[in-house]
PDB file of all heavy atoms in Angstrom:
ATOM      1  N   ASP A   1      -2.528 -12.712  -5.481  1.00  0.00           N
ATOM      2  CA  ASP A   1      -3.106 -12.468  -4.170  1.00  0.00           C
ATOM      3  C   ASP A   1      -3.436 -10.983  -4.043  1.00  0.00           C
ATOM      4  O   ASP A   1      -4.478 -10.639  -3.387  1.00  0.00           O
ATOM      5  CB  ASP A   1      -2.095 -12.881  -3.065  1.00  0.00           C
ATOM      6  CG  ASP A   1      -1.800 -14.357  -3.057  1.00  0.00           C
ATOM      7  OD1 ASP A   1      -2.631 -15.108  -3.576  1.00  0.00           O
ATOM      8  OD2 ASP A   1      -0.802 -14.786  -2.500  1.00  0.00           O
ATOM      9  N   LEU A   2      -2.633 -10.112  -4.578  1.00  0.00           N
ATOM     10  CA  LEU A   2      -2.900  -8.690  -4.529  1.00  0.00           C
ATOM     11  C   LEU A   2      -4.206  -8.390  -5.235  1.00  0.00           C
ATOM     12  O   LEU A   2      -5.023  -7.628  -4.781  1.00  0.00           O
ATOM     13  CB  LEU A   2      -1.758  -7.879  -5.143  1.00  0.00           C
ATOM     14  CG  LEU A   2      -1.746  -6.431  -5.079  1.00  0.00           C
ATOM     15  CD1 LEU A   2      -0.362  -5.848  -5.128  1.00  0.00           C
ATOM     16  CD2 LEU A   2      -2.524  -5.781  -6.303  1.00  0.00           C
ATOM     17  N   ARG A   3      -4.373  -9.019  -6.437  1.00  0.00           N
ATOM     18  CA  ARG A   3      -5.579  -8.776  -7.206  1.00  0.00           C
ATOM     19  C   ARG A   3      -6.833  -9.286  -6.502  1.00  0.00           C
ATOM     20  O   ARG A   3      -7.922  -8.722  -6.565  1.00  0.00           O
ATOM     21  CB  ARG A   3      -5.447  -9.376  -8.605  1.00  0.00           C
ATOM     22  CG  ARG A   3      -6.627  -9.162  -9.519  1.00  0.00           C
ATOM     23  CD  ARG A   3      -6.237  -9.234 -10.986  1.00  0.00           C
ATOM     24  NE  ARG A   3      -5.372  -8.124 -11.283  1.00  0.00           N
ATOM     25  CZ  ARG A   3      -4.361  -8.229 -12.216  1.00  0.00           C
ATOM     26  NH1 ARG A   3      -4.128  -9.369 -12.853  1.00  0.00           N
ATOM     27  NH2 ARG A   3      -3.633  -7.145 -12.430  1.00  0.00           N
ATOM     28  N   GLU A   4      -6.675 -10.384  -5.788  1.00  0.00           N
ATOM     29  CA  GLU A   4      -7.793 -10.994  -5.093  1.00  0.00           C
ATOM     30  C   GLU A   4      -8.277 -10.089  -3.990  1.00  0.00           C
ATOM     31  O   GLU A   4      -9.470  -9.983  -3.689  1.00  0.00           O
ATOM     32  CB  GLU A   4      -7.411 -12.372  -4.512  1.00  0.00           C
ATOM     33  CG  GLU A   4      -8.549 -13.086  -3.832  1.00  0.00           C
ATOM     34  CD  GLU A   4      -8.127 -14.440  -3.312  1.00  0.00           C
ATOM     35  OE1 GLU A   4      -6.960 -14.921  -3.691  1.00  0.00           O
ATOM     36  OE2 GLU A   4      -8.852 -15.053  -2.545  1.00  0.00           O
ATOM     37  N   ASN A   5      -7.325  -9.434  -3.287  1.00  0.00           N
ATOM     38  CA  ASN A   5      -7.694  -8.522  -2.176  1.00  0.00           C
ATOM     39  C   ASN A   5      -6.625  -7.443  -2.055  1.00  0.00           C
ATOM     40  O   ASN A   5      -5.641  -7.618  -1.335  1.00  0.00           O
ATOM     41  CB  ASN A   5      -7.834  -9.296  -0.848  1.00  0.00           C
ATOM     42  CG  ASN A   5      -8.315  -8.367   0.262  1.00  0.00           C
ATOM     43  OD1 ASN A   5      -8.614  -7.235   0.081  1.00  0.00           O
ATOM     44  ND2 ASN A   5      -8.365  -8.947   1.479  1.00  0.00           N
ATOM     45  N   ILE A   6      -6.812  -6.348  -2.809  1.00  0.00           N
ATOM     46  CA  ILE A   6      -5.757  -5.285  -2.814  1.00  0.00           C
ATOM     47  C   ILE A   6      -5.546  -4.682  -1.452  1.00  0.00           C
ATOM     48  O   ILE A   6      -4.490  -4.160  -1.124  1.00  0.00           O
ATOM     49  CB  ILE A   6      -6.074  -4.254  -3.878  1.00  0.00           C
ATOM     50  CG1 ILE A   6      -4.838  -3.412  -4.196  1.00  0.00           C
ATOM     51  CG2 ILE A   6      -7.259  -3.389  -3.438  1.00  0.00           C
ATOM     52  CD1 ILE A   6      -5.022  -2.510  -5.396  1.00  0.00           C
ATOM     53  N   ARG A   7      -6.529  -4.739  -0.555  1.00  0.00           N
ATOM     54  CA  ARG A   7      -6.385  -4.186   0.772  1.00  0.00           C
ATOM     55  C   ARG A   7      -5.243  -4.826   1.621  1.00  0.00           C
ATOM     56  O   ARG A   7      -4.761  -4.268   2.546  1.00  0.00           O
ATOM     57  CB  ARG A   7      -7.679  -4.207   1.542  1.00  0.00           C
ATOM     58  CG  ARG A   7      -8.737  -3.250   1.008  1.00  0.00           C
ATOM     59  CD  ARG A   7      -9.965  -3.205   1.945  1.00  0.00           C
ATOM     60  NE  ARG A   7      -9.592  -2.707   3.261  1.00  0.00           N
ATOM     61  CZ  ARG A   7      -9.571  -1.387   3.585  1.00  0.00           C
ATOM     62  NH1 ARG A   7      -9.911  -0.535   2.685  1.00  0.00           N
ATOM     63  NH2 ARG A   7      -9.314  -1.002   4.839  1.00  0.00           N
ATOM     64  N   GLU A   8      -4.932  -6.085   1.192  1.00  0.00           N
ATOM     65  CA  GLU A   8      -3.808  -6.749   1.869  1.00  0.00           C
ATOM     66  C   GLU A   8      -2.434  -6.066   1.661  1.00  0.00           C
ATOM     67  O   GLU A   8      -1.536  -6.256   2.408  1.00  0.00           O
ATOM     68  CB  GLU A   8      -3.660  -8.219   1.319  1.00  0.00           C
ATOM     69  CG  GLU A   8      -4.669  -9.162   1.999  1.00  0.00           C
ATOM     70  CD  GLU A   8      -4.447  -9.327   3.443  1.00  0.00           C
ATOM     71  OE1 GLU A   8      -3.345  -9.722   3.875  1.00  0.00           O
ATOM     72  OE2 GLU A   8      -5.405  -9.026   4.205  1.00  0.00           O
ATOM     73  N   SER A   9      -2.362  -5.207   0.613  1.00  0.00           N
ATOM     74  CA  SER A   9      -1.179  -4.448   0.355  1.00  0.00           C
ATOM     75  C   SER A   9      -1.013  -3.243   1.270  1.00  0.00           C
ATOM     76  O   SER A   9       0.083  -2.775   1.473  1.00  0.00           O
ATOM     77  CB  SER A   9      -1.097  -3.990  -1.110  1.00  0.00           C
ATOM     78  OG  SER A   9      -2.150  -3.031  -1.344  1.00  0.00           O
ATOM     79  N   GLU A  10      -2.117  -2.784   1.818  1.00  0.00           N
ATOM     80  CA  GLU A  10      -2.104  -1.501   2.522  1.00  0.00           C
ATOM     81  C   GLU A  10      -1.134  -1.495   3.715  1.00  0.00           C
ATOM     82  O   GLU A  10      -0.330  -0.577   3.868  1.00  0.00           O
ATOM     83  CB  GLU A  10      -3.563  -1.169   2.986  1.00  0.00           C
ATOM     84  CG  GLU A  10      -3.635   0.196   3.563  1.00  0.00           C
ATOM     85  CD  GLU A  10      -3.356   0.302   5.062  1.00  0.00           C
ATOM     86  OE1 GLU A  10      -3.567  -0.787   5.744  1.00  0.00           O
ATOM     87  OE2 GLU A  10      -2.911   1.321   5.565  1.00  0.00           O
ATOM     88  N   PRO A  11      -1.086  -2.593   4.591  1.00  0.00           N
ATOM     89  CA  PRO A  11      -0.160  -2.538   5.681  1.00  0.00           C
ATOM     90  C   PRO A  11       1.280  -2.546   5.202  1.00  0.00           C
ATOM     91  O   PRO A  11       2.169  -1.950   5.880  1.00  0.00           O
ATOM     92  CB  PRO A  11      -0.467  -3.838   6.428  1.00  0.00           C
ATOM     93  CG  PRO A  11      -1.870  -4.186   6.057  1.00  0.00           C
ATOM     94  CD  PRO A  11      -1.978  -3.726   4.704  1.00  0.00           C
ATOM     95  N   MET A  12       1.608  -3.185   4.082  1.00  0.00           N
ATOM     96  CA  MET A  12       2.938  -3.261   3.581  1.00  0.00           C
ATOM     97  C   MET A  12       3.429  -1.810   3.071  1.00  0.00           C
ATOM     98  O   MET A  12       4.606  -1.555   3.082  1.00  0.00           O
ATOM     99  CB  MET A  12       3.048  -4.243   2.465  1.00  0.00           C
ATOM    100  CG  MET A  12       2.834  -5.661   2.811  1.00  0.00           C
ATOM    101  SD  MET A  12       3.210  -6.830   1.480  1.00  0.00           S
ATOM    102  CE  MET A  12       2.916  -8.388   2.244  1.00  0.00           C
ATOM    103  N   LEU A  13       2.463  -1.056   2.685  1.00  0.00           N
ATOM    104  CA  LEU A  13       2.767   0.309   2.248  1.00  0.00           C
ATOM    105  C   LEU A  13       2.771   1.257   3.441  1.00  0.00           C
ATOM    106  O   LEU A  13       3.585   2.226   3.492  1.00  0.00           O
ATOM    107  CB  LEU A  13       1.805   0.749   1.177  1.00  0.00           C
ATOM    108  CG  LEU A  13       1.863  -0.080  -0.130  1.00  0.00           C
ATOM    109  CD1 LEU A  13       0.621   0.093  -0.974  1.00  0.00           C
ATOM    110  CD2 LEU A  13       3.121   0.279  -0.934  1.00  0.00           C
ATOM    111  N   ARG A  14       1.844   1.018   4.389  1.00  0.00           N
ATOM    112  CA  ARG A  14       1.769   1.895   5.542  1.00  0.00           C
ATOM    113  C   ARG A  14       3.013   1.798   6.432  1.00  0.00           C
ATOM    114  O   ARG A  14       3.448   2.819   7.014  1.00  0.00           O
ATOM    115  CB  ARG A  14       0.592   1.493   6.355  1.00  0.00           C
ATOM    116  CG  ARG A  14       0.293   2.419   7.514  1.00  0.00           C
ATOM    117  CD  ARG A  14      -0.843   1.994   8.472  1.00  0.00           C
ATOM    118  NE  ARG A  14      -1.651   0.918   7.995  1.00  0.00           N
ATOM    119  CZ  ARG A  14      -2.139   0.016   8.853  1.00  0.00           C
ATOM    120  NH1 ARG A  14      -1.818   0.057  10.178  1.00  0.00           N
ATOM    121  NH2 ARG A  14      -2.983  -0.931   8.473  1.00  0.00           N
ATOM    122  N   GLU A  15       3.686   0.686   6.425  1.00  0.00           N
ATOM    123  CA  GLU A  15       4.828   0.479   7.330  1.00  0.00           C
ATOM    124  C   GLU A  15       6.108   0.852   6.652  1.00  0.00           C
ATOM    125  O   GLU A  15       7.242   0.808   7.255  1.00  0.00           O
ATOM    126  CB  GLU A  15       4.927  -0.982   7.780  1.00  0.00           C
ATOM    127  CG  GLU A  15       5.212  -1.978   6.732  1.00  0.00           C
ATOM    128  CD  GLU A  15       5.261  -3.413   7.169  1.00  0.00           C
ATOM    129  OE1 GLU A  15       5.417  -3.600   8.414  1.00  0.00           O
ATOM    130  OE2 GLU A  15       5.224  -4.320   6.306  1.00  0.00           O
ATOM    131  N   ALA A  16       6.078   1.176   5.411  1.00  0.00           N
ATOM    132  CA  ALA A  16       7.363   1.410   4.565  1.00  0.00           C
ATOM    133  C   ALA A  16       7.975   2.783   4.878  1.00  0.00           C
ATOM    134  O   ALA A  16       7.260   3.746   5.061  1.00  0.00           O
ATOM    135  CB  ALA A  16       7.054   1.249   3.142  1.00  0.00           C
ATOM    136  N   ASP A  17       9.282   2.818   4.881  1.00  0.00           N
ATOM    137  CA  ASP A  17      10.034   4.079   4.907  1.00  0.00           C
ATOM    138  C   ASP A  17      10.361   4.525   3.497  1.00  0.00           C
ATOM    139  O   ASP A  17      10.439   5.711   3.196  1.00  0.00           O
ATOM    140  CB  ASP A  17      11.320   3.854   5.702  1.00  0.00           C
ATOM    141  CG  ASP A  17      11.089   3.505   7.100  1.00  0.00           C
ATOM    142  OD1 ASP A  17      10.484   4.343   7.832  1.00  0.00           O
ATOM    143  OD2 ASP A  17      11.426   2.369   7.529  1.00  0.00           O
ATOM    144  N   VAL A  18      10.616   3.549   2.596  1.00  0.00           N
ATOM    145  CA  VAL A  18      10.867   3.825   1.149  1.00  0.00           C
ATOM    146  C   VAL A  18      10.036   2.843   0.327  1.00  0.00           C
ATOM    147  O   VAL A  18      10.024   1.662   0.694  1.00  0.00           O
ATOM    148  CB  VAL A  18      12.356   3.666   0.881  1.00  0.00           C
ATOM    149  CG1 VAL A  18      12.598   3.843  -0.630  1.00  0.00           C
ATOM    150  CG2 VAL A  18      13.237   4.688   1.623  1.00  0.00           C
ATOM    151  N   ILE A  19       9.389   3.368  -0.719  1.00  0.00           N
ATOM    152  CA  ILE A  19       8.618   2.536  -1.650  1.00  0.00           C
ATOM    153  C   ILE A  19       9.239   2.727  -2.990  1.00  0.00           C
ATOM    154  O   ILE A  19       9.391   3.886  -3.477  1.00  0.00           O
ATOM    155  CB  ILE A  19       7.145   2.908  -1.649  1.00  0.00           C
ATOM    156  CG1 ILE A  19       6.515   2.552  -0.266  1.00  0.00           C
ATOM    157  CG2 ILE A  19       6.394   2.171  -2.732  1.00  0.00           C
ATOM    158  CD1 ILE A  19       5.084   2.986  -0.145  1.00  0.00           C
ATOM    159  N   SER A  20       9.596   1.654  -3.642  1.00  0.00           N
ATOM    160  CA  SER A  20      10.225   1.659  -4.942  1.00  0.00           C
ATOM    161  C   SER A  20       9.386   0.983  -5.990  1.00  0.00           C
ATOM    162  O   SER A  20       9.107  -0.211  -5.908  1.00  0.00           O
ATOM    163  CB  SER A  20      11.623   1.000  -4.890  1.00  0.00           C
ATOM    164  OG  SER A  20      12.260   1.004  -6.144  1.00  0.00           O
ATOM    165  N   ILE A  21       8.830   1.794  -6.925  1.00  0.00           N
ATOM    166  CA  ILE A  21       7.873   1.293  -7.915  1.00  0.00           C
ATOM    167  C   ILE A  21       8.608   1.123  -9.259  1.00  0.00           C
ATOM    168  O   ILE A  21       9.143   2.095  -9.790  1.00  0.00           O
ATOM    169  CB  ILE A  21       6.691   2.221  -8.104  1.00  0.00           C
ATOM    170  CG1 ILE A  21       5.947   2.431  -6.765  1.00  0.00           C
ATOM    171  CG2 ILE A  21       5.734   1.631  -9.166  1.00  0.00           C
ATOM    172  CD1 ILE A  21       4.897   3.512  -6.859  1.00  0.00           C
ATOM    173  N   ASP A  22       8.651  -0.093  -9.717  1.00  0.00           N
ATOM    174  CA  ASP A  22       9.183  -0.364 -11.083  1.00  0.00           C
ATOM    175  C   ASP A  22       8.048  -0.248 -12.078  1.00  0.00           C
ATOM    176  O   ASP A  22       7.042  -0.867 -11.947  1.00  0.00           O
ATOM    177  CB  ASP A  22       9.796  -1.771 -11.191  1.00  0.00           C
ATOM    178  CG  ASP A  22      10.599  -2.022 -12.443  1.00  0.00           C
ATOM    179  OD1 ASP A  22      10.113  -1.571 -13.529  1.00  0.00           O
ATOM    180  OD2 ASP A  22      11.633  -2.651 -12.384  1.00  0.00           O
ATOM    181  N   PHE A  23       8.204   0.637 -13.069  1.00  0.00           N
ATOM    182  CA  PHE A  23       7.172   0.868 -14.054  1.00  0.00           C
ATOM    183  C   PHE A  23       6.768  -0.405 -14.745  1.00  0.00           C
ATOM    184  O   PHE A  23       5.666  -0.604 -15.210  1.00  0.00           O
ATOM    185  CB  PHE A  23       7.675   1.900 -15.046  1.00  0.00           C
ATOM    186  CG  PHE A  23       6.571   2.575 -15.875  1.00  0.00           C
ATOM    187  CD1 PHE A  23       5.549   3.265 -15.231  1.00  0.00           C
ATOM    188  CD2 PHE A  23       6.591   2.465 -17.262  1.00  0.00           C
ATOM    189  CE1 PHE A  23       4.561   3.862 -16.000  1.00  0.00           C
ATOM    190  CE2 PHE A  23       5.582   3.047 -17.996  1.00  0.00           C
ATOM    191  CZ  PHE A  23       4.543   3.754 -17.369  1.00  0.00           C
ATOM    192  N   GLY A  24       7.718  -1.360 -14.850  1.00  0.00           N
ATOM    193  CA  GLY A  24       7.452  -2.648 -15.474  1.00  0.00           C
ATOM    194  C   GLY A  24       6.562  -3.579 -14.662  1.00  0.00           C
ATOM    195  O   GLY A  24       6.180  -4.600 -15.110  1.00  0.00           O
ATOM    196  N   ALA A  25       6.103  -3.133 -13.460  1.00  0.00           N
ATOM    197  CA  ALA A  25       5.170  -3.900 -12.678  1.00  0.00           C
ATOM    198  C   ALA A  25       3.805  -3.833 -13.348  1.00  0.00           C
ATOM    199  O   ALA A  25       2.921  -4.640 -13.047  1.00  0.00           O
ATOM    200  CB  ALA A  25       5.092  -3.412 -11.261  1.00  0.00           C
ATOM    201  N   LEU A  26       3.548  -2.853 -14.205  1.00  0.00           N
ATOM    202  CA  LEU A  26       2.257  -2.658 -14.851  1.00  0.00           C
ATOM    203  C   LEU A  26       2.182  -3.463 -16.187  1.00  0.00           C
ATOM    204  O   LEU A  26       3.223  -3.772 -16.784  1.00  0.00           O
ATOM    205  CB  LEU A  26       1.967  -1.189 -15.187  1.00  0.00           C
ATOM    206  CG  LEU A  26       1.559  -0.311 -14.014  1.00  0.00           C
ATOM    207  CD1 LEU A  26       2.727   0.121 -13.187  1.00  0.00           C
ATOM    208  CD2 LEU A  26       0.748   0.891 -14.519  1.00  0.00           C
ATOM    209  N   LYS A  27       1.020  -3.781 -16.608  1.00  0.00           N
ATOM    210  CA  LYS A  27       0.811  -4.364 -17.881  1.00  0.00           C
ATOM    211  C   LYS A  27       1.427  -3.555 -19.022  1.00  0.00           C
ATOM    212  O   LYS A  27       1.196  -2.300 -19.021  1.00  0.00           O
ATOM    213  CB  LYS A  27      -0.680  -4.595 -18.192  1.00  0.00           C
ATOM    214  CG  LYS A  27      -1.419  -5.651 -17.391  1.00  0.00           C
ATOM    215  CD  LYS A  27      -2.866  -5.630 -17.668  1.00  0.00           C
ATOM    216  CE  LYS A  27      -3.582  -6.762 -17.007  1.00  0.00           C
ATOM    217  NZ  LYS A  27      -3.344  -8.049 -17.577  1.00  0.00           N
ATOM    218  N   ALA A  28       2.170  -4.182 -19.939  1.00  0.00           N
ATOM    219  CA  ALA A  28       2.871  -3.370 -20.933  1.00  0.00           C
ATOM    220  C   ALA A  28       1.954  -2.512 -21.804  1.00  0.00           C
ATOM    221  O   ALA A  28       2.228  -1.380 -22.172  1.00  0.00           O
ATOM    222  CB  ALA A  28       3.691  -4.313 -21.814  1.00  0.00           C
ATOM    223  N   HIS A  29       0.749  -3.114 -22.125  1.00  0.00           N
ATOM    224  CA  HIS A  29      -0.155  -2.318 -22.975  1.00  0.00           C
ATOM    225  C   HIS A  29      -0.791  -1.184 -22.281  1.00  0.00           C
ATOM    226  O   HIS A  29      -1.323  -0.234 -22.971  1.00  0.00           O
ATOM    227  CB  HIS A  29      -1.217  -3.285 -23.594  1.00  0.00           C
ATOM    228  CG  HIS A  29      -2.343  -3.626 -22.701  1.00  0.00           C
ATOM    229  ND1 HIS A  29      -2.264  -4.734 -21.812  1.00  0.00           N
ATOM    230  CD2 HIS A  29      -3.576  -3.060 -22.500  1.00  0.00           C
ATOM    231  CE1 HIS A  29      -3.386  -4.786 -21.146  1.00  0.00           C
ATOM    232  NE2 HIS A  29      -4.231  -3.821 -21.482  1.00  0.00           N
ATOM    233  N   GLU A  30      -0.799  -1.186 -20.956  1.00  0.00           N
ATOM    234  CA  GLU A  30      -1.371  -0.055 -20.200  1.00  0.00           C
ATOM    235  C   GLU A  30      -0.309   0.973 -19.868  1.00  0.00           C
ATOM    236  O   GLU A  30      -0.642   2.111 -19.509  1.00  0.00           O
ATOM    237  CB  GLU A  30      -2.031  -0.525 -18.944  1.00  0.00           C
ATOM    238  CG  GLU A  30      -3.274  -1.426 -19.176  1.00  0.00           C
ATOM    239  CD  GLU A  30      -4.236  -1.355 -18.011  1.00  0.00           C
ATOM    240  OE1 GLU A  30      -4.000  -0.665 -17.009  1.00  0.00           O
ATOM    241  OE2 GLU A  30      -5.394  -1.898 -18.135  1.00  0.00           O
ATOM    242  N   ALA A  31       0.921   0.555 -19.932  1.00  0.00           N
ATOM    243  CA  ALA A  31       2.020   1.480 -19.504  1.00  0.00           C
ATOM    244  C   ALA A  31       3.190   1.389 -20.496  1.00  0.00           C
ATOM    245  O   ALA A  31       4.247   0.775 -20.191  1.00  0.00           O
ATOM    246  CB  ALA A  31       2.465   1.126 -18.090  1.00  0.00           C
TER     247      ALA A  31
END
């Protein structure tokens, strides 16, 4: 769903107090 419309993620990030990014969320060959 995120890939279909990445703008849908923007409100979830705008409303956050803390954002935790796991490096493993990325494709292994790119990261």
